[in-house]
Amino acid sequence: MPNVTREQIERAVRIPPIGLEGDLVVPENSAGIVVFAHGSGSSRQSSRNRYVAGALRQGSLGTLLMDLLTRDEEAVDLRTAHLRFDIPLLAERLVHATDWLLAQPETRELKIGYFGASTGGGAALVAAARRPGRVGAIVSRGGRPDLAKASLAEVRAPTLLIVGGDDVPVIEMNRSAYQDLTCEKEMQIVPGASHLFEEPGALEQVADLARRWFERHLGGV
């Protein structure tokens, strides 16, 4: 579908049915929008995800940075750390966000992608398996696709797994999951990078890889 000419949209949103908070930005002439699924113990304020989101918008892709937990749930999770690993719950929240985007006049024509970090990577894969005709691409950064093992064979969206070269346990988790994926797929290892990609230049590489993947599969580049 050709790009739809529009002015840039930038607003705070609440995702039904429970009103999860999000920040929606859609540049003019966007062909796709990427929903961010943050990692364990994080939120839509994640500096790393916001950096990647900015790079995607420079490539004329829209972004939805959202909290996967309510404020009350976050308070509980700070004490128990159990909700951040509830992959079915987190995936359900992503599905709700996907359905919401498809119902909004300004985003319903856009192709949808998921960017998942850490446990958010597992949630993104499960959600994509539940919406095979709606999700057009997935990028996982330092993700835990092993937490989505039962859903991996059902994922249809082209999937890029990005892992830090020094993040040895997660490399093995991703290699195992890679074998179970039956969709179009790639795995990229960023040399010298740790789990959080805090090393100089590491996050820039992640952003560049993600932008290229989403532009290819969502933007028709």
N, C-alpha and C. Protein backbone atom coordinates (compact mmCIF):
# COMPACT_ATOMS: atom_id res chain seq x y z
N MET A 1 0.85 -1.19 0.00
CA MET A 1 0.00 0.00 0.00
C MET A 1 0.88 1.24 0.00
N PRO A 2 0.57 2.24 -0.83
CA PRO A 2 1.38 3.46 -0.85
C PRO A 2 1.28 4.21 0.46
N ASN A 3 2.31 4.99 0.79
CA ASN A 3 2.29 5.78 2.00
C ASN A 3 1.14 6.78 1.97
N VAL A 4 0.56 7.01 3.13
CA VAL A 4 -0.54 7.96 3.26
C VAL A 4 0.03 9.27 3.77
N THR A 5 -0.21 10.35 3.05
CA THR A 5 0.30 11.65 3.46
C THR A 5 -0.46 12.15 4.68
N ARG A 6 0.27 12.53 5.72
CA ARG A 6 -0.36 13.03 6.94
C ARG A 6 0.66 13.88 7.69
N GLU A 7 0.18 14.73 8.56
CA GLU A 7 1.08 15.44 9.45
C GLU A 7 1.52 14.50 10.56
N GLN A 8 2.69 14.79 11.15
CA GLN A 8 3.17 13.93 12.23
C GLN A 8 2.20 13.94 13.39
N ILE A 9 1.96 12.75 13.93
CA ILE A 9 1.10 12.58 15.10
C ILE A 9 2.00 12.28 16.29
N GLU A 10 1.77 12.96 17.39
CA GLU A 10 2.55 12.72 18.60
C GLU A 10 1.65 12.98 19.80
N ARG A 11 1.32 11.90 20.54
CA ARG A 11 0.40 12.09 21.67
C ARG A 11 0.52 10.95 22.67
N ALA A 12 0.15 11.26 23.89
CA ALA A 12 0.04 10.25 24.92
C ALA A 12 -1.27 9.49 24.73
N VAL A 13 -1.24 8.18 24.95
CA VAL A 13 -2.43 7.36 24.74
C VAL A 13 -2.63 6.42 25.91
N ARG A 14 -3.81 5.87 25.98
CA ARG A 14 -4.13 4.81 26.94
C ARG A 14 -4.70 3.63 26.17
N ILE A 15 -4.11 2.47 26.38
CA ILE A 15 -4.48 1.28 25.62
C ILE A 15 -5.54 0.48 26.39
N PRO A 16 -6.72 0.27 25.80
CA PRO A 16 -7.73 -0.54 26.46
C PRO A 16 -7.32 -2.02 26.47
N PRO A 17 -7.92 -2.85 27.31
CA PRO A 17 -9.08 -2.53 28.15
C PRO A 17 -8.76 -1.96 29.53
N ILE A 18 -7.46 -1.93 29.93
CA ILE A 18 -7.16 -1.50 31.30
C ILE A 18 -6.45 -0.15 31.34
N GLY A 19 -6.27 0.50 30.20
CA GLY A 19 -5.71 1.84 30.19
C GLY A 19 -4.22 1.90 30.37
N LEU A 20 -3.46 0.98 29.77
CA LEU A 20 -2.01 1.05 29.84
C LEU A 20 -1.52 2.31 29.15
N GLU A 21 -0.53 2.97 29.75
CA GLU A 21 -0.04 4.24 29.21
C GLU A 21 0.96 4.01 28.08
N GLY A 22 0.88 4.89 27.08
CA GLY A 22 1.79 4.78 25.95
C GLY A 22 2.07 6.13 25.32
N ASP A 23 3.14 6.18 24.53
CA ASP A 23 3.53 7.37 23.78
C ASP A 23 3.54 6.99 22.31
N LEU A 24 2.62 7.59 21.55
CA LEU A 24 2.47 7.29 20.13
C LEU A 24 3.06 8.42 19.30
N VAL A 25 3.95 8.07 18.38
CA VAL A 25 4.51 9.04 17.44
C VAL A 25 4.46 8.42 16.04
N VAL A 26 3.80 9.12 15.12
CA VAL A 26 3.69 8.64 13.75
C VAL A 26 4.14 9.75 12.80
N PRO A 27 5.36 9.66 12.25
CA PRO A 27 5.81 10.66 11.29
C PRO A 27 4.93 10.66 10.04
N GLU A 28 4.92 11.79 9.36
CA GLU A 28 4.16 11.84 8.11
C GLU A 28 4.74 10.84 7.11
N ASN A 29 3.86 10.28 6.31
CA ASN A 29 4.23 9.32 5.27
C ASN A 29 4.79 8.00 5.81
N SER A 30 4.43 7.66 7.05
CA SER A 30 4.84 6.36 7.59
C SER A 30 4.08 5.24 6.90
N ALA A 31 4.78 4.15 6.65
CA ALA A 31 4.14 2.95 6.11
C ALA A 31 3.97 1.88 7.17
N GLY A 32 4.66 2.05 8.31
CA GLY A 32 4.59 1.05 9.36
C GLY A 32 4.73 1.68 10.73
N ILE A 33 4.37 0.91 11.75
CA ILE A 33 4.50 1.36 13.13
C ILE A 33 5.03 0.22 13.98
N VAL A 34 5.94 0.53 14.88
CA VAL A 34 6.60 -0.49 15.70
C VAL A 34 6.17 -0.32 17.15
N VAL A 35 5.66 -1.41 17.73
CA VAL A 35 5.27 -1.44 19.13
C VAL A 35 6.45 -1.98 19.94
N PHE A 36 6.83 -1.27 20.99
CA PHE A 36 7.97 -1.67 21.82
C PHE A 36 7.51 -2.44 23.04
N ALA A 37 8.14 -3.59 23.25
CA ALA A 37 7.89 -4.41 24.44
C ALA A 37 9.16 -4.39 25.28
N HIS A 38 9.14 -3.63 26.38
CA HIS A 38 10.34 -3.45 27.19
C HIS A 38 10.69 -4.71 27.98
N GLY A 39 11.90 -4.71 28.51
CA GLY A 39 12.38 -5.86 29.24
C GLY A 39 11.98 -5.87 30.70
N SER A 40 12.42 -6.88 31.40
CA SER A 40 12.05 -7.08 32.80
C SER A 40 12.50 -5.91 33.66
N GLY A 41 11.59 -5.43 34.50
CA GLY A 41 11.90 -4.35 35.42
C GLY A 41 11.99 -2.98 34.77
N SER A 42 11.60 -2.86 33.50
CA SER A 42 11.70 -1.59 32.80
C SER A 42 10.31 -1.03 32.53
N SER A 43 10.24 -0.02 31.66
CA SER A 43 8.96 0.62 31.33
C SER A 43 9.11 1.30 29.98
N ARG A 44 8.08 2.04 29.58
CA ARG A 44 8.15 2.76 28.31
C ARG A 44 9.20 3.87 28.35
N GLN A 45 9.71 4.19 29.54
CA GLN A 45 10.74 5.22 29.68
C GLN A 45 12.15 4.69 29.45
N SER A 46 12.29 3.42 29.12
CA SER A 46 13.60 2.83 28.87
C SER A 46 14.42 3.69 27.91
N SER A 47 15.59 4.14 28.36
CA SER A 47 16.42 5.01 27.52
C SER A 47 16.90 4.27 26.28
N ARG A 48 17.17 2.98 26.40
CA ARG A 48 17.64 2.22 25.24
C ARG A 48 16.54 2.08 24.20
N ASN A 49 15.33 1.74 24.64
CA ASN A 49 14.24 1.63 23.68
C ASN A 49 13.90 2.97 23.04
N ARG A 50 13.98 4.03 23.84
CA ARG A 50 13.68 5.35 23.29
C ARG A 50 14.73 5.76 22.25
N TYR A 51 15.96 5.36 22.46
CA TYR A 51 16.99 5.65 21.47
C TYR A 51 16.67 4.94 20.16
N VAL A 52 16.35 3.65 20.25
CA VAL A 52 16.01 2.89 19.05
C VAL A 52 14.77 3.47 18.38
N ALA A 53 13.77 3.85 19.17
CA ALA A 53 12.55 4.42 18.62
C ALA A 53 12.85 5.68 17.82
N GLY A 54 13.75 6.52 18.34
CA GLY A 54 14.12 7.73 17.63
C GLY A 54 14.76 7.42 16.28
N ALA A 55 15.60 6.38 16.26
CA ALA A 55 16.24 5.99 15.00
C ALA A 55 15.22 5.47 14.00
N LEU A 56 14.22 4.76 14.48
CA LEU A 56 13.18 4.25 13.58
C LEU A 56 12.35 5.39 13.00
N ARG A 57 12.08 6.39 13.82
CA ARG A 57 11.29 7.51 13.31
C ARG A 57 12.06 8.31 12.26
N GLN A 58 13.39 8.36 12.39
CA GLN A 58 14.19 9.00 11.35
C GLN A 58 14.07 8.25 10.04
N GLY A 59 13.76 6.96 10.13
CA GLY A 59 13.52 6.15 8.94
C GLY A 59 12.06 6.16 8.53
N SER A 60 11.29 7.13 9.06
CA SER A 60 9.87 7.30 8.72
C SER A 60 9.02 6.10 9.13
N LEU A 61 9.31 5.57 10.31
CA LEU A 61 8.46 4.55 10.91
C LEU A 61 7.83 5.11 12.18
N GLY A 62 6.57 4.82 12.39
CA GLY A 62 5.92 5.23 13.63
C GLY A 62 6.33 4.34 14.78
N THR A 63 6.14 4.83 16.01
CA THR A 63 6.49 4.03 17.19
C THR A 63 5.41 4.16 18.25
N LEU A 64 5.20 3.09 18.99
CA LEU A 64 4.35 3.09 20.18
C LEU A 64 5.16 2.51 21.32
N LEU A 65 5.61 3.38 22.22
CA LEU A 65 6.28 2.95 23.44
C LEU A 65 5.22 2.86 24.52
N MET A 66 5.04 1.69 25.11
CA MET A 66 3.96 1.50 26.07
C MET A 66 4.43 0.74 27.30
N ASP A 67 3.75 0.98 28.40
CA ASP A 67 3.97 0.19 29.60
C ASP A 67 3.21 -1.11 29.47
N LEU A 68 3.80 -2.21 29.85
CA LEU A 68 3.13 -3.50 29.79
C LEU A 68 2.41 -3.82 31.10
N LEU A 69 2.69 -3.05 32.15
CA LEU A 69 2.03 -3.22 33.44
C LEU A 69 1.41 -1.91 33.87
N THR A 70 0.34 -1.99 34.66
CA THR A 70 -0.24 -0.79 35.26
C THR A 70 0.68 -0.31 36.39
N ARG A 71 0.44 0.87 36.88
CA ARG A 71 1.27 1.38 37.97
C ARG A 71 1.14 0.52 39.22
N ASP A 72 -0.07 0.04 39.52
CA ASP A 72 -0.25 -0.85 40.67
C ASP A 72 0.50 -2.16 40.46
N GLU A 73 0.45 -2.69 39.24
CA GLU A 73 1.16 -3.94 38.96
C GLU A 73 2.67 -3.73 39.05
N GLU A 74 3.15 -2.59 38.60
CA GLU A 74 4.58 -2.30 38.70
C GLU A 74 5.03 -2.25 40.16
N ALA A 75 4.19 -1.69 41.02
CA ALA A 75 4.52 -1.62 42.45
C ALA A 75 4.62 -3.01 43.05
N VAL A 76 3.70 -3.88 42.65
CA VAL A 76 3.74 -5.26 43.13
C VAL A 76 4.98 -5.97 42.58
N ASP A 77 5.26 -5.75 41.30
CA ASP A 77 6.37 -6.44 40.65
C ASP A 77 7.72 -6.02 41.22
N LEU A 78 7.82 -4.78 41.71
CA LEU A 78 9.06 -4.35 42.34
C LEU A 78 9.37 -5.18 43.57
N ARG A 79 8.32 -5.68 44.22
CA ARG A 79 8.52 -6.51 45.43
C ARG A 79 8.69 -7.98 45.08
N THR A 80 7.93 -8.46 44.08
CA THR A 80 7.89 -9.90 43.82
C THR A 80 8.63 -10.33 42.56
N ALA A 81 8.78 -9.42 41.58
CA ALA A 81 9.47 -9.69 40.31
C ALA A 81 8.87 -10.87 39.55
N HIS A 82 7.56 -11.11 39.75
CA HIS A 82 6.96 -12.25 39.06
C HIS A 82 6.20 -11.85 37.80
N LEU A 83 5.63 -10.64 37.76
CA LEU A 83 4.85 -10.25 36.59
C LEU A 83 5.72 -10.03 35.36
N ARG A 84 6.95 -9.59 35.57
CA ARG A 84 7.85 -9.32 34.45
C ARG A 84 8.20 -10.59 33.68
N PHE A 85 7.99 -11.75 34.28
CA PHE A 85 8.24 -13.02 33.61
C PHE A 85 6.95 -13.74 33.22
N ASP A 86 5.81 -13.06 33.38
CA ASP A 86 4.52 -13.64 32.99
C ASP A 86 4.32 -13.38 31.50
N ILE A 87 4.94 -14.20 30.67
CA ILE A 87 4.94 -13.98 29.23
C ILE A 87 3.53 -14.01 28.64
N PRO A 88 2.66 -14.93 29.02
CA PRO A 88 1.29 -14.89 28.48
C PRO A 88 0.58 -13.57 28.78
N LEU A 89 0.77 -13.04 29.98
CA LEU A 89 0.15 -11.76 30.33
C LEU A 89 0.72 -10.63 29.48
N LEU A 90 2.04 -10.56 29.37
CA LEU A 90 2.67 -9.49 28.59
C LEU A 90 2.28 -9.59 27.12
N ALA A 91 2.22 -10.81 26.59
CA ALA A 91 1.83 -11.00 25.20
C ALA A 91 0.38 -10.55 24.98
N GLU A 92 -0.48 -10.83 25.94
CA GLU A 92 -1.87 -10.39 25.83
C GLU A 92 -1.95 -8.87 25.75
N ARG A 93 -1.12 -8.19 26.52
CA ARG A 93 -1.10 -6.72 26.49
C ARG A 93 -0.66 -6.23 25.10
N LEU A 94 0.31 -6.90 24.49
CA LEU A 94 0.74 -6.51 23.15
C LEU A 94 -0.36 -6.76 22.12
N VAL A 95 -1.09 -7.84 22.28
CA VAL A 95 -2.20 -8.13 21.38
C VAL A 95 -3.26 -7.03 21.49
N HIS A 96 -3.55 -6.60 22.71
CA HIS A 96 -4.52 -5.51 22.90
C HIS A 96 -4.03 -4.24 22.20
N ALA A 97 -2.74 -3.95 22.31
CA ALA A 97 -2.19 -2.77 21.66
C ALA A 97 -2.28 -2.87 20.14
N THR A 98 -2.03 -4.07 19.62
CA THR A 98 -2.14 -4.30 18.18
C THR A 98 -3.56 -4.06 17.70
N ASP A 99 -4.53 -4.64 18.40
CA ASP A 99 -5.93 -4.47 18.02
C ASP A 99 -6.35 -3.01 18.12
N TRP A 100 -5.82 -2.31 19.13
CA TRP A 100 -6.15 -0.88 19.29
C TRP A 100 -5.61 -0.08 18.12
N LEU A 101 -4.36 -0.34 17.72
CA LEU A 101 -3.78 0.38 16.59
C LEU A 101 -4.58 0.15 15.31
N LEU A 102 -5.08 -1.07 15.14
CA LEU A 102 -5.85 -1.41 13.94
C LEU A 102 -7.22 -0.75 13.94
N ALA A 103 -7.62 -0.23 15.08
CA ALA A 103 -8.93 0.42 15.18
C ALA A 103 -8.84 1.94 15.11
N GLN A 104 -7.61 2.49 15.15
CA GLN A 104 -7.45 3.95 15.14
C GLN A 104 -7.35 4.46 13.70
N PRO A 105 -8.06 5.54 13.38
CA PRO A 105 -8.03 6.06 12.00
C PRO A 105 -6.62 6.38 11.50
N GLU A 106 -5.76 6.88 12.40
CA GLU A 106 -4.43 7.31 11.96
C GLU A 106 -3.43 6.18 11.85
N THR A 107 -3.75 5.00 12.35
CA THR A 107 -2.79 3.89 12.31
C THR A 107 -3.35 2.60 11.70
N ARG A 108 -4.62 2.54 11.41
CA ARG A 108 -5.21 1.27 10.99
C ARG A 108 -4.70 0.78 9.64
N GLU A 109 -4.15 1.69 8.82
CA GLU A 109 -3.62 1.29 7.52
C GLU A 109 -2.13 0.95 7.57
N LEU A 110 -1.50 1.10 8.73
CA LEU A 110 -0.06 0.89 8.83
C LEU A 110 0.27 -0.57 9.13
N LYS A 111 1.36 -1.04 8.55
CA LYS A 111 1.87 -2.36 8.91
C LYS A 111 2.47 -2.29 10.31
N ILE A 112 2.29 -3.35 11.08
CA ILE A 112 2.70 -3.34 12.49
C ILE A 112 3.91 -4.25 12.70
N GLY A 113 4.88 -3.74 13.47
CA GLY A 113 6.03 -4.52 13.87
C GLY A 113 6.17 -4.52 15.38
N TYR A 114 6.95 -5.46 15.91
CA TYR A 114 7.25 -5.52 17.34
C TYR A 114 8.75 -5.42 17.54
N PHE A 115 9.16 -4.61 18.52
CA PHE A 115 10.56 -4.58 18.97
C PHE A 115 10.55 -5.01 20.43
N GLY A 116 11.13 -6.17 20.72
CA GLY A 116 11.11 -6.69 22.09
C GLY A 116 12.51 -6.75 22.67
N ALA A 117 12.66 -6.35 23.93
CA ALA A 117 13.94 -6.41 24.62
C ALA A 117 13.82 -7.35 25.81
N SER A 118 14.83 -8.19 26.02
CA SER A 118 14.86 -9.11 27.15
C SER A 118 13.58 -9.95 27.18
N THR A 119 12.85 -9.96 28.29
CA THR A 119 11.63 -10.74 28.36
C THR A 119 10.58 -10.24 27.37
N GLY A 120 10.67 -8.96 26.99
CA GLY A 120 9.77 -8.42 25.98
C GLY A 120 9.93 -9.10 24.63
N GLY A 121 11.12 -9.65 24.37
CA GLY A 121 11.32 -10.40 23.13
C GLY A 121 10.49 -11.66 23.10
N GLY A 122 10.41 -12.35 24.23
CA GLY A 122 9.56 -13.53 24.32
C GLY A 122 8.10 -13.17 24.17
N ALA A 123 7.68 -12.09 24.83
CA ALA A 123 6.29 -11.66 24.74
C ALA A 123 5.92 -11.28 23.31
N ALA A 124 6.83 -10.61 22.61
CA ALA A 124 6.56 -10.20 21.23
C ALA A 124 6.34 -11.41 20.33
N LEU A 125 7.12 -12.44 20.51
CA LEU A 125 6.98 -13.64 19.68
C LEU A 125 5.66 -14.35 19.95
N VAL A 126 5.27 -14.43 21.21
CA VAL A 126 3.98 -15.06 21.55
C VAL A 126 2.83 -14.26 20.97
N ALA A 127 2.90 -12.93 21.11
CA ALA A 127 1.83 -12.07 20.58
C ALA A 127 1.75 -12.18 19.06
N ALA A 128 2.90 -12.22 18.40
CA ALA A 128 2.90 -12.34 16.94
C ALA A 128 2.28 -13.65 16.49
N ALA A 129 2.52 -14.71 17.24
CA ALA A 129 1.91 -16.00 16.91
C ALA A 129 0.39 -15.94 17.03
N ARG A 130 -0.10 -15.08 17.92
CA ARG A 130 -1.54 -14.94 18.10
C ARG A 130 -2.18 -14.02 17.07
N ARG A 131 -1.40 -13.21 16.39
CA ARG A 131 -1.90 -12.30 15.35
C ARG A 131 -1.06 -12.48 14.07
N PRO A 132 -1.07 -13.69 13.50
CA PRO A 132 -0.17 -13.98 12.37
C PRO A 132 -0.42 -13.14 11.13
N GLY A 133 -1.64 -12.67 10.93
CA GLY A 133 -1.92 -11.88 9.75
C GLY A 133 -1.78 -10.39 9.97
N ARG A 134 -1.45 -9.98 11.18
CA ARG A 134 -1.41 -8.56 11.52
C ARG A 134 -0.01 -8.03 11.80
N VAL A 135 0.88 -8.88 12.26
CA VAL A 135 2.23 -8.45 12.62
C VAL A 135 3.17 -8.75 11.46
N GLY A 136 3.84 -7.71 10.96
CA GLY A 136 4.64 -7.85 9.75
C GLY A 136 6.12 -8.06 9.95
N ALA A 137 6.64 -7.83 11.16
CA ALA A 137 8.07 -8.00 11.42
C ALA A 137 8.33 -7.92 12.91
N ILE A 138 9.39 -8.60 13.35
CA ILE A 138 9.79 -8.63 14.76
C ILE A 138 11.29 -8.44 14.85
N VAL A 139 11.72 -7.63 15.81
CA VAL A 139 13.14 -7.53 16.17
C VAL A 139 13.25 -7.78 17.67
N SER A 140 14.16 -8.65 18.05
CA SER A 140 14.39 -8.97 19.46
C SER A 140 15.81 -8.52 19.83
N ARG A 141 15.94 -7.65 20.85
CA ARG A 141 17.25 -7.17 21.29
C ARG A 141 17.61 -7.80 22.63
N GLY A 142 18.65 -8.63 22.63
CA GLY A 142 19.02 -9.31 23.87
C GLY A 142 17.83 -10.04 24.46
N GLY A 143 17.01 -10.60 23.58
CA GLY A 143 15.72 -11.15 24.00
C GLY A 143 15.80 -12.55 24.60
N ARG A 144 14.66 -12.95 25.13
CA ARG A 144 14.51 -14.28 25.70
C ARG A 144 13.47 -15.06 24.89
N PRO A 145 13.80 -15.41 23.64
CA PRO A 145 12.85 -16.18 22.82
C PRO A 145 12.59 -17.57 23.38
N ASP A 146 13.48 -18.03 24.25
CA ASP A 146 13.25 -19.33 24.88
C ASP A 146 11.98 -19.33 25.71
N LEU A 147 11.57 -18.15 26.20
CA LEU A 147 10.35 -18.05 26.99
C LEU A 147 9.10 -18.16 26.12
N ALA A 148 9.29 -18.15 24.81
CA ALA A 148 8.17 -18.29 23.87
C ALA A 148 8.24 -19.62 23.12
N LYS A 149 8.96 -20.59 23.67
CA LYS A 149 9.27 -21.82 22.94
C LYS A 149 8.04 -22.50 22.34
N ALA A 150 6.94 -22.55 23.09
CA ALA A 150 5.75 -23.24 22.60
C ALA A 150 5.10 -22.54 21.41
N SER A 151 5.44 -21.27 21.20
CA SER A 151 4.80 -20.49 20.12
C SER A 151 5.71 -20.26 18.92
N LEU A 152 6.98 -20.61 19.02
CA LEU A 152 7.95 -20.24 17.99
C LEU A 152 7.58 -20.78 16.61
N ALA A 153 7.12 -22.00 16.53
CA ALA A 153 6.79 -22.59 15.23
C ALA A 153 5.57 -21.94 14.59
N GLU A 154 4.80 -21.18 15.38
CA GLU A 154 3.60 -20.54 14.86
C GLU A 154 3.84 -19.09 14.42
N VAL A 155 5.04 -18.58 14.66
CA VAL A 155 5.36 -17.20 14.27
C VAL A 155 5.53 -17.15 12.75
N ARG A 156 4.81 -16.22 12.12
CA ARG A 156 4.89 -16.05 10.67
C ARG A 156 5.65 -14.78 10.27
N ALA A 157 5.77 -13.83 11.17
CA ALA A 157 6.41 -12.56 10.85
C ALA A 157 7.92 -12.74 10.74
N PRO A 158 8.56 -12.14 9.74
CA PRO A 158 10.03 -12.18 9.65
C PRO A 158 10.66 -11.68 10.94
N THR A 159 11.60 -12.45 11.46
CA THR A 159 12.13 -12.19 12.81
C THR A 159 13.65 -12.04 12.79
N LEU A 160 14.12 -10.96 13.41
CA LEU A 160 15.55 -10.70 13.55
C LEU A 160 15.91 -10.78 15.03
N LEU A 161 16.84 -11.66 15.36
CA LEU A 161 17.34 -11.80 16.73
C LEU A 161 18.70 -11.11 16.82
N ILE A 162 18.81 -10.13 17.72
CA ILE A 162 20.08 -9.40 17.92
C ILE A 162 20.58 -9.71 19.32
N VAL A 163 21.83 -10.16 19.42
CA VAL A 163 22.39 -10.55 20.71
C VAL A 163 23.80 -9.98 20.83
N GLY A 164 24.17 -9.59 22.06
CA GLY A 164 25.52 -9.11 22.31
C GLY A 164 26.53 -10.25 22.28
N GLY A 165 27.69 -9.99 21.72
CA GLY A 165 28.70 -11.03 21.59
C GLY A 165 29.25 -11.53 22.91
N ASP A 166 29.15 -10.72 23.98
CA ASP A 166 29.62 -11.13 25.29
C ASP A 166 28.49 -11.68 26.17
N ASP A 167 27.29 -11.73 25.62
CA ASP A 167 26.12 -12.20 26.39
C ASP A 167 25.94 -13.70 26.13
N VAL A 168 26.91 -14.49 26.59
CA VAL A 168 27.02 -15.90 26.20
C VAL A 168 25.76 -16.72 26.51
N PRO A 169 25.20 -16.66 27.72
CA PRO A 169 24.00 -17.48 27.97
C PRO A 169 22.84 -17.15 27.03
N VAL A 170 22.66 -15.86 26.75
CA VAL A 170 21.54 -15.46 25.89
C VAL A 170 21.82 -15.81 24.43
N ILE A 171 23.08 -15.83 24.02
CA ILE A 171 23.41 -16.29 22.67
C ILE A 171 22.91 -17.71 22.48
N GLU A 172 23.18 -18.58 23.44
CA GLU A 172 22.76 -19.98 23.31
C GLU A 172 21.25 -20.10 23.32
N MET A 173 20.57 -19.30 24.14
CA MET A 173 19.10 -19.31 24.15
C MET A 173 18.55 -18.91 22.79
N ASN A 174 19.16 -17.90 22.19
CA ASN A 174 18.69 -17.42 20.89
C ASN A 174 19.01 -18.42 19.78
N ARG A 175 20.16 -19.05 19.84
CA ARG A 175 20.49 -20.04 18.82
C ARG A 175 19.51 -21.21 18.84
N SER A 176 19.13 -21.63 20.03
CA SER A 176 18.17 -22.71 20.15
C SER A 176 16.81 -22.30 19.60
N ALA A 177 16.37 -21.09 19.96
CA ALA A 177 15.08 -20.59 19.48
C ALA A 177 15.11 -20.39 17.97
N TYR A 178 16.24 -19.95 17.45
CA TYR A 178 16.38 -19.72 16.01
C TYR A 178 16.07 -21.00 15.24
N GLN A 179 16.51 -22.11 15.76
CA GLN A 179 16.26 -23.39 15.08
C GLN A 179 14.77 -23.73 15.07
N ASP A 180 14.03 -23.27 16.07
CA ASP A 180 12.60 -23.59 16.16
C ASP A 180 11.74 -22.66 15.32
N LEU A 181 12.26 -21.49 14.97
CA LEU A 181 11.50 -20.56 14.13
C LEU A 181 11.42 -21.09 12.70
N THR A 182 10.23 -21.04 12.11
CA THR A 182 10.05 -21.51 10.74
C THR A 182 9.77 -20.36 9.77
N CYS A 183 9.73 -19.14 10.29
CA CYS A 183 9.50 -17.96 9.45
C CYS A 183 10.81 -17.50 8.83
N GLU A 184 10.74 -16.44 8.00
CA GLU A 184 11.98 -15.79 7.56
C GLU A 184 12.70 -15.28 8.79
N LYS A 185 14.00 -15.49 8.88
CA LYS A 185 14.69 -15.18 10.14
C LYS A 185 16.15 -14.86 9.89
N GLU A 186 16.70 -14.07 10.80
CA GLU A 186 18.14 -13.80 10.84
C GLU A 186 18.56 -13.67 12.30
N MET A 187 19.83 -13.96 12.56
CA MET A 187 20.39 -13.73 13.89
C MET A 187 21.69 -12.96 13.72
N GLN A 188 21.78 -11.83 14.42
CA GLN A 188 22.97 -10.98 14.34
C GLN A 188 23.59 -10.87 15.73
N ILE A 189 24.90 -11.11 15.81
CA ILE A 189 25.64 -10.98 17.06
C ILE A 189 26.51 -9.73 16.97
N VAL A 190 26.32 -8.81 17.93
CA VAL A 190 27.08 -7.57 17.94
C VAL A 190 28.37 -7.81 18.74
N PRO A 191 29.53 -7.82 18.11
CA PRO A 191 30.78 -8.15 18.80
C PRO A 191 31.06 -7.22 19.98
N GLY A 192 31.49 -7.81 21.09
CA GLY A 192 31.90 -7.03 22.24
C GLY A 192 30.78 -6.43 23.06
N ALA A 193 29.53 -6.69 22.70
CA ALA A 193 28.40 -6.09 23.41
C ALA A 193 27.90 -7.02 24.51
N SER A 194 27.49 -6.42 25.63
CA SER A 194 26.91 -7.17 26.73
C SER A 194 25.39 -7.19 26.59
N HIS A 195 24.71 -7.68 27.61
CA HIS A 195 23.26 -7.86 27.52
C HIS A 195 22.53 -6.54 27.29
N LEU A 196 23.00 -5.44 27.89
CA LEU A 196 22.31 -4.16 27.77
C LEU A 196 22.86 -3.28 26.65
N PHE A 197 23.86 -3.76 25.93
CA PHE A 197 24.43 -3.02 24.80
C PHE A 197 24.88 -1.62 25.24
N GLU A 198 25.55 -1.56 26.38
CA GLU A 198 26.00 -0.28 26.92
C GLU A 198 27.36 0.17 26.39
N GLU A 199 28.04 -0.70 25.69
CA GLU A 199 29.37 -0.38 25.17
C GLU A 199 29.28 0.66 24.04
N PRO A 200 30.33 1.47 23.87
CA PRO A 200 30.31 2.49 22.81
C PRO A 200 29.98 1.90 21.44
N GLY A 201 28.97 2.46 20.80
CA GLY A 201 28.60 2.04 19.45
C GLY A 201 27.68 0.84 19.37
N ALA A 202 27.49 0.12 20.49
CA ALA A 202 26.71 -1.12 20.43
C ALA A 202 25.23 -0.85 20.16
N LEU A 203 24.67 0.10 20.89
CA LEU A 203 23.24 0.38 20.71
C LEU A 203 22.98 1.00 19.33
N GLU A 204 23.95 1.76 18.83
CA GLU A 204 23.82 2.31 17.48
C GLU A 204 23.72 1.19 16.45
N GLN A 205 24.48 0.13 16.65
CA GLN A 205 24.40 -1.01 15.74
C GLN A 205 23.04 -1.67 15.82
N VAL A 206 22.52 -1.80 17.03
CA VAL A 206 21.19 -2.37 17.21
C VAL A 206 20.15 -1.54 16.46
N ALA A 207 20.20 -0.23 16.65
CA ALA A 207 19.23 0.67 16.02
C ALA A 207 19.30 0.57 14.50
N ASP A 208 20.52 0.50 13.97
CA ASP A 208 20.68 0.42 12.52
C ASP A 208 20.13 -0.90 11.97
N LEU A 209 20.44 -2.00 12.66
CA LEU A 209 19.93 -3.31 12.23
C LEU A 209 18.41 -3.34 12.28
N ALA A 210 17.85 -2.80 13.37
CA ALA A 210 16.39 -2.80 13.53
C ALA A 210 15.72 -1.94 12.46
N ARG A 211 16.28 -0.74 12.23
CA ARG A 211 15.68 0.15 11.23
C ARG A 211 15.66 -0.51 9.85
N ARG A 212 16.77 -1.12 9.48
CA ARG A 212 16.84 -1.77 8.17
C ARG A 212 15.83 -2.91 8.07
N TRP A 213 15.70 -3.68 9.14
CA TRP A 213 14.77 -4.83 9.13
C TRP A 213 13.32 -4.35 9.00
N PHE A 214 12.97 -3.35 9.79
CA PHE A 214 11.59 -2.85 9.74
C PHE A 214 11.31 -2.13 8.43
N GLU A 215 12.24 -1.35 7.93
CA GLU A 215 12.02 -0.68 6.65
C GLU A 215 11.82 -1.71 5.53
N ARG A 216 12.57 -2.77 5.60
CA ARG A 216 12.45 -3.82 4.58
C ARG A 216 11.09 -4.50 4.62
N HIS A 217 10.61 -4.80 5.83
CA HIS A 217 9.40 -5.61 5.95
C HIS A 217 8.12 -4.82 6.22
N LEU A 218 8.26 -3.60 6.69
CA LEU A 218 7.08 -2.78 6.94
C LEU A 218 6.95 -1.63 5.96
N GLY A 219 8.10 -1.09 5.56
CA GLY A 219 8.08 0.12 4.74
C GLY A 219 8.29 -0.10 3.27
N GLY A 220 8.51 -1.36 2.86
CA GLY A 220 8.70 -1.63 1.45
C GLY A 220 10.01 -1.16 0.89
N VAL A 221 11.01 -0.92 1.79
CA VAL A 221 12.33 -0.47 1.32
C VAL A 221 13.17 -1.66 0.88
